[in-house]
Amino acid sequence: MKLQAVRNRISSELHDDIGTKLTNINILSTLTTQAMDDPDKAKELLSRISSEVQTSADALDDIVWNINTKNDSLQEIIPRMRRYATEVFADKKVQFDVKVPENIQHLKFSMEKRHDVYLMFSEMINNIYKHANASEVAIEVGIKGSAFYLHVQDNGRGFEKEMETHRNAYQCA
C-alpha cells in the first residue's frame, strides 16, 4: 500500500506539473500560429513557449531525481540544494553558505522525506528571494538528538508574526 501511495503521488505530480505545462505549450503554439501576421506578438508567444519548455524540463528532472534511490543520502541532497540556491540568488547577488557536519553526510532519507526536505528548503529560499531583500543567507543542516533539522537564516527585513495575511501560514518551532 505504501508503494502504491508513492506511485500515486508520482503519477499525480507528473499529471499536474508536466500535463499542465504541456497543455499551456499547446495553447501557446496555437496562439503563435494565429499571430504569424504580428511578428512582435509571435515572438512574445515563442518566448513564453520556450519558458514553459524549460520549466517542464526542470519539473521532470525534479521528479526523476526524487525517485532515484542513489540520491537518498545527504551527500547527494546537499549539492542539489546548493545548486538551487545558487540559481535563485544569482541575479540578486545574495551570498549564502551551507553548513553540513561531515559526520552526517551518510545520513539516508526515504524518497518521501527527501522530497519533503527539498520542498521545505526550496520554499524557504523562494520566500527569502521574493520577500526578505536579504544579502546574506546561512543554511545549516544537522541532527539534534534523533531529529534532523534544517535551519535557514537571513539578514533580510523580516516580517511581523502577528500581522494578518491572506496567505497560508504555519508555525515553525
C-alpha atoms as a PDB file:
ATOM      1  CA  MET A   1       0.000   0.000   0.000  1.00  0.00           C
ATOM      2  CA  LYS A   2       2.879   2.325   0.779  1.00  0.00           C
ATOM      3  CA  LEU A   3       4.444   1.682  -2.635  1.00  0.00           C
ATOM      4  CA  GLN A   4       1.084   2.320  -4.301  1.00  0.00           C
ATOM      5  CA  ALA A   5       0.764   5.626  -2.427  1.00  0.00           C
ATOM      6  CA  VAL A   6       4.206   6.666  -3.721  1.00  0.00           C
ATOM      7  CA  ARG A   7       3.251   5.667  -7.262  1.00  0.00           C
ATOM      8  CA  ASN A   8       0.003   7.628  -6.966  1.00  0.00           C
ATOM      9  CA  ARG A   9       1.893  10.717  -5.764  1.00  0.00           C
ATOM     10  CA  ILE A  10       4.388  10.496  -8.627  1.00  0.00           C
ATOM     11  CA  SER A  11       1.575   9.965 -11.105  1.00  0.00           C
ATOM     12  CA  SER A  12      -0.254  12.982  -9.717  1.00  0.00           C
ATOM     13  CA  GLU A  13       2.895  15.134  -9.895  1.00  0.00           C
ATOM     14  CA  LEU A  14       3.509  14.098 -13.493  1.00  0.00           C
ATOM     15  CA  HIS A  15      -0.088  14.836 -14.418  1.00  0.00           C
ATOM     16  CA  ASP A  16      -0.284  18.135 -12.548  1.00  0.00           C
ATOM     17  CA  ASP A  17       3.160  19.552 -13.305  1.00  0.00           C
ATOM     18  CA  ILE A  18       4.022  18.196 -16.718  1.00  0.00           C
ATOM     19  CA  GLY A  19       0.465  17.791 -18.022  1.00  0.00           C
ATOM     20  CA  THR A  20      -0.439  21.387 -17.230  1.00  0.00           C
ATOM     21  CA  LYS A  21       2.751  22.700 -18.804  1.00  0.00           C
ATOM     22  CA  LEU A  22       2.226  20.663 -21.980  1.00  0.00           C
ATOM     23  CA  THR A  23      -1.337  21.973 -22.237  1.00  0.00           C
ATOM     24  CA  ASN A  24      -0.003  25.533 -21.876  1.00  0.00           C
ATOM     25  CA  ILE A  25       2.591  24.877 -24.596  1.00  0.00           C
ATOM     26  CA  ASN A  26      -0.122  23.554 -26.896  1.00  0.00           C
ATOM     27  CA  ILE A  27      -2.298  26.642 -26.314  1.00  0.00           C
ATOM     28  CA  LEU A  28       0.653  28.982 -26.824  1.00  0.00           C
ATOM     29  CA  SER A  29       1.585  27.149 -30.034  1.00  0.00           C
ATOM     30  CA  THR A  30      -1.930  27.620 -31.386  1.00  0.00           C
ATOM     31  CA  LEU A  31      -1.866  31.307 -30.446  1.00  0.00           C
ATOM     32  CA  THR A  32       1.539  31.687 -32.112  1.00  0.00           C
ATOM     33  CA  THR A  33       0.203  30.179 -35.335  1.00  0.00           C
ATOM     34  CA  GLN A  34      -2.687  32.637 -35.224  1.00  0.00           C
ATOM     35  CA  ALA A  35      -0.319  35.556 -34.575  1.00  0.00           C
ATOM     36  CA  MET A  36       2.019  34.934 -37.516  1.00  0.00           C
ATOM     37  CA  ASP A  37       0.988  38.209 -39.132  1.00  0.00           C
ATOM     38  CA  ASP A  38       2.079  40.093 -35.987  1.00  0.00           C
ATOM     39  CA  PRO A  39       5.823  39.317 -35.569  1.00  0.00           C
ATOM     40  CA  ASP A  40       6.109  41.044 -32.177  1.00  0.00           C
ATOM     41  CA  LYS A  41       3.196  39.074 -30.733  1.00  0.00           C
ATOM     42  CA  ALA A  42       4.507  35.818 -32.258  1.00  0.00           C
ATOM     43  CA  LYS A  43       7.971  36.473 -30.795  1.00  0.00           C
ATOM     44  CA  GLU A  44       6.465  37.073 -27.334  1.00  0.00           C
ATOM     45  CA  LEU A  45       4.453  33.841 -27.553  1.00  0.00           C
ATOM     46  CA  LEU A  46       7.508  31.862 -28.720  1.00  0.00           C
ATOM     47  CA  SER A  47       9.423  33.213 -25.751  1.00  0.00           C
ATOM     48  CA  ARG A  48       6.655  32.014 -23.438  1.00  0.00           C
ATOM     49  CA  ILE A  49       6.743  28.585 -25.105  1.00  0.00           C
ATOM     50  CA  SER A  50      10.485  28.403 -24.510  1.00  0.00           C
ATOM     51  CA  SER A  51       9.985  29.298 -20.857  1.00  0.00           C
ATOM     52  CA  GLU A  52       7.264  26.639 -20.446  1.00  0.00           C
ATOM     53  CA  VAL A  53       9.507  24.003 -22.039  1.00  0.00           C
ATOM     54  CA  GLN A  54      12.349  24.889 -19.652  1.00  0.00           C
ATOM     55  CA  THR A  55      10.139  24.765 -16.552  1.00  0.00           C
ATOM     56  CA  SER A  56       8.667  21.454 -17.786  1.00  0.00           C
ATOM     57  CA  ALA A  57      12.143  20.004 -18.168  1.00  0.00           C
ATOM     58  CA  ASP A  58      13.059  21.254 -14.679  1.00  0.00           C
ATOM     59  CA  ALA A  59       9.897  19.744 -13.173  1.00  0.00           C
ATOM     60  CA  LEU A  60      10.546  16.413 -14.878  1.00  0.00           C
ATOM     61  CA  ASP A  61      14.165  16.477 -13.703  1.00  0.00           C
ATOM     62  CA  ASP A  62      12.948  17.076 -10.126  1.00  0.00           C
ATOM     63  CA  ILE A  63      10.561  14.116 -10.310  1.00  0.00           C
ATOM     64  CA  VAL A  64      13.187  11.776 -11.779  1.00  0.00           C
ATOM     65  CA  TRP A  65      15.806  12.935  -9.257  1.00  0.00           C
ATOM     66  CA  ASN A  66      13.381  12.346  -6.425  1.00  0.00           C
ATOM     67  CA  ILE A  67      12.610   8.733  -7.338  1.00  0.00           C
ATOM     68  CA  ASN A  68      16.237   7.735  -7.968  1.00  0.00           C
ATOM     69  CA  THR A  69      17.420   5.795  -4.896  1.00  0.00           C
ATOM     70  CA  LYS A  70      21.067   6.808  -5.427  1.00  0.00           C
ATOM     71  CA  ASN A  71      20.025  10.280  -4.241  1.00  0.00           C
ATOM     72  CA  ASP A  72      18.899   9.091  -0.781  1.00  0.00           C
ATOM     73  CA  SER A  73      21.867  10.441   1.212  1.00  0.00           C
ATOM     74  CA  LEU A  74      22.636  13.960   2.364  1.00  0.00           C
ATOM     75  CA  GLN A  75      25.795  13.641   0.300  1.00  0.00           C
ATOM     76  CA  GLU A  76      23.540  13.803  -2.797  1.00  0.00           C
ATOM     77  CA  ILE A  77      20.822  16.121  -1.436  1.00  0.00           C
ATOM     78  CA  ILE A  78      23.086  18.976  -0.307  1.00  0.00           C
ATOM     79  CA  PRO A  79      24.695  19.652  -3.729  1.00  0.00           C
ATOM     80  CA  ARG A  80      21.210  19.848  -5.264  1.00  0.00           C
ATOM     81  CA  MET A  81      20.167  22.314  -2.565  1.00  0.00           C
ATOM     82  CA  ARG A  82      23.301  24.390  -3.190  1.00  0.00           C
ATOM     83  CA  ARG A  83      22.637  24.397  -6.937  1.00  0.00           C
ATOM     84  CA  TYR A  84      19.057  25.513  -6.390  1.00  0.00           C
ATOM     85  CA  ALA A  85      20.058  28.367  -4.064  1.00  0.00           C
ATOM     86  CA  THR A  86      22.798  29.439  -6.494  1.00  0.00           C
ATOM     87  CA  GLU A  87      20.290  29.635  -9.360  1.00  0.00           C
ATOM     88  CA  VAL A  88      17.668  31.505  -7.340  1.00  0.00           C
ATOM     89  CA  PHE A  89      20.043  34.013  -5.752  1.00  0.00           C
ATOM     90  CA  ALA A  90      22.286  34.613  -8.789  1.00  0.00           C
ATOM     91  CA  ASP A  91      20.591  37.754 -10.108  1.00  0.00           C
ATOM     92  CA  LYS A  92      20.259  39.336  -6.652  1.00  0.00           C
ATOM     93  CA  LYS A  93      23.877  38.599  -5.762  1.00  0.00           C
ATOM     94  CA  VAL A  94      22.886  37.030  -2.436  1.00  0.00           C
ATOM     95  CA  GLN A  95      25.765  35.365  -0.598  1.00  0.00           C
ATOM     96  CA  PHE A  96      24.883  32.084   1.060  1.00  0.00           C
ATOM     97  CA  ASP A  97      26.650  29.382   2.988  1.00  0.00           C
ATOM     98  CA  VAL A  98      25.525  25.792   3.611  1.00  0.00           C
ATOM     99  CA  LYS A  99      26.967  24.044   6.663  1.00  0.00           C
ATOM    100  CA  VAL A 100      26.707  20.280   6.962  1.00  0.00           C
ATOM    101  CA  PRO A 101      28.709  18.368   9.558  1.00  0.00           C
ATOM    102  CA  GLU A 102      30.899  15.677   7.993  1.00  0.00           C
ATOM    103  CA  ASN A 103      29.587  13.013  10.349  1.00  0.00           C
ATOM    104  CA  ILE A 104      26.054  13.158   8.899  1.00  0.00           C
ATOM    105  CA  GLN A 105      26.913  13.129   5.177  1.00  0.00           C
ATOM    106  CA  HIS A 106      25.994   9.422   5.117  1.00  0.00           C
ATOM    107  CA  LEU A 107      22.501  10.053   6.543  1.00  0.00           C
ATOM    108  CA  LYS A 108      19.854   8.372   4.366  1.00  0.00           C
ATOM    109  CA  PHE A 109      16.296   9.516   3.696  1.00  0.00           C
ATOM    110  CA  SER A 110      13.279   7.756   2.309  1.00  0.00           C
ATOM    111  CA  MET A 111      12.047   9.129  -1.003  1.00  0.00           C
ATOM    112  CA  GLU A 112       9.157  10.890   0.759  1.00  0.00           C
ATOM    113  CA  LYS A 113      11.369  12.510   3.407  1.00  0.00           C
ATOM    114  CA  ARG A 114      13.926  13.610   0.816  1.00  0.00           C
ATOM    115  CA  HIS A 115      11.124  15.147  -1.227  1.00  0.00           C
ATOM    116  CA  ASP A 116       9.738  16.934   1.843  1.00  0.00           C
ATOM    117  CA  VAL A 117      13.141  18.266   2.899  1.00  0.00           C
ATOM    118  CA  TYR A 118      13.845  19.586  -0.584  1.00  0.00           C
ATOM    119  CA  LEU A 119      10.395  21.197  -0.857  1.00  0.00           C
ATOM    120  CA  MET A 120      10.800  22.912   2.523  1.00  0.00           C
ATOM    121  CA  PHE A 121      14.252  24.121   1.535  1.00  0.00           C
ATOM    122  CA  SER A 122      13.133  25.441  -1.856  1.00  0.00           C
ATOM    123  CA  GLU A 123      10.129  27.189  -0.277  1.00  0.00           C
ATOM    124  CA  MET A 124      12.387  28.925   2.246  1.00  0.00           C
ATOM    125  CA  ILE A 125      14.805  30.003  -0.487  1.00  0.00           C
ATOM    126  CA  ASN A 126      11.928  31.272  -2.654  1.00  0.00           C
ATOM    127  CA  ASN A 127      10.468  33.263   0.249  1.00  0.00           C
ATOM    128  CA  ILE A 128      13.834  34.857   1.006  1.00  0.00           C
ATOM    129  CA  TYR A 129      14.219  35.745  -2.681  1.00  0.00           C
ATOM    130  CA  LYS A 130      10.716  37.207  -3.001  1.00  0.00           C
ATOM    131  CA  HIS A 131      10.217  38.908   0.336  1.00  0.00           C
ATOM    132  CA  ALA A 132      13.315  39.319   2.513  1.00  0.00           C
ATOM    133  CA  ASN A 133      15.537  41.611   0.439  1.00  0.00           C
ATOM    134  CA  ALA A 134      18.466  39.790   2.055  1.00  0.00           C
ATOM    135  CA  SER A 135      22.103  39.945   1.032  1.00  0.00           C
ATOM    136  CA  GLU A 136      23.302  37.030   3.188  1.00  0.00           C
ATOM    137  CA  VAL A 137      21.766  33.639   3.947  1.00  0.00           C
ATOM    138  CA  ALA A 138      23.100  30.994   6.324  1.00  0.00           C
ATOM    139  CA  ILE A 139      21.839  27.438   5.922  1.00  0.00           C
ATOM    140  CA  GLU A 140      22.627  24.760   8.465  1.00  0.00           C
ATOM    141  CA  VAL A 141      21.716  21.097   8.316  1.00  0.00           C
ATOM    142  CA  GLY A 142      22.167  18.815  11.276  1.00  0.00           C
ATOM    143  CA  ILE A 143      20.945  16.292  13.790  1.00  0.00           C
ATOM    144  CA  LYS A 144      19.737  17.220  17.256  1.00  0.00           C
ATOM    145  CA  GLY A 145      19.028  14.115  19.298  1.00  0.00           C
ATOM    146  CA  SER A 146      17.207  11.859  16.874  1.00  0.00           C
ATOM    147  CA  ALA A 147      15.726  14.713  14.829  1.00  0.00           C
ATOM    148  CA  PHE A 148      17.000  16.080  11.536  1.00  0.00           C
ATOM    149  CA  TYR A 149      16.894  19.864  11.258  1.00  0.00           C
ATOM    150  CA  LEU A 150      17.209  22.429   8.500  1.00  0.00           C
ATOM    151  CA  HIS A 151      17.909  25.941   9.779  1.00  0.00           C
ATOM    152  CA  VAL A 152      17.814  28.863   7.354  1.00  0.00           C
ATOM    153  CA  GLN A 153      18.588  32.405   8.496  1.00  0.00           C
ATOM    154  CA  ASP A 154      18.919  35.613   6.506  1.00  0.00           C
ATOM    155  CA  ASN A 155      19.716  39.266   7.154  1.00  0.00           C
ATOM    156  CA  GLY A 156      16.575  40.454   5.383  1.00  0.00           C
ATOM    157  CA  ARG A 157      13.813  42.709   6.552  1.00  0.00           C
ATOM    158  CA  GLY A 158      11.739  40.018   8.287  1.00  0.00           C
ATOM    159  CA  PHE A 159       8.025  40.150   8.906  1.00  0.00           C
ATOM    160  CA  GLU A 160       5.566  40.751  11.707  1.00  0.00           C
ATOM    161  CA  LYS A 161       4.452  37.382  13.088  1.00  0.00           C
ATOM    162  CA  GLU A 162       1.212  38.834  14.414  1.00  0.00           C
ATOM    163  CA  MET A 163       0.229  40.632  11.196  1.00  0.00           C
ATOM    164  CA  GLU A 164      -2.742  39.005   9.480  1.00  0.00           C
ATOM    165  CA  THR A 165      -2.230  37.717   5.974  1.00  0.00           C
ATOM    166  CA  HIS A 166      -4.352  36.086   3.289  1.00  0.00           C
ATOM    167  CA  ARG A 167      -1.589  33.554   2.624  1.00  0.00           C
ATOM    168  CA  ASN A 168      -1.280  30.070   4.073  1.00  0.00           C
ATOM    169  CA  ALA A 169       0.677  30.191   7.295  1.00  0.00           C
ATOM    170  CA  TYR A 170       2.365  27.699   9.557  1.00  0.00           C
ATOM    171  CA  GLN A 171       4.320  27.871  12.727  1.00  0.00           C
ATOM    172  CA  CYS A 172       7.912  26.748  12.921  1.00  0.00           C
ATOM    173  CA  ALA A 173       9.414  25.759  16.237  1.00  0.00           C
END
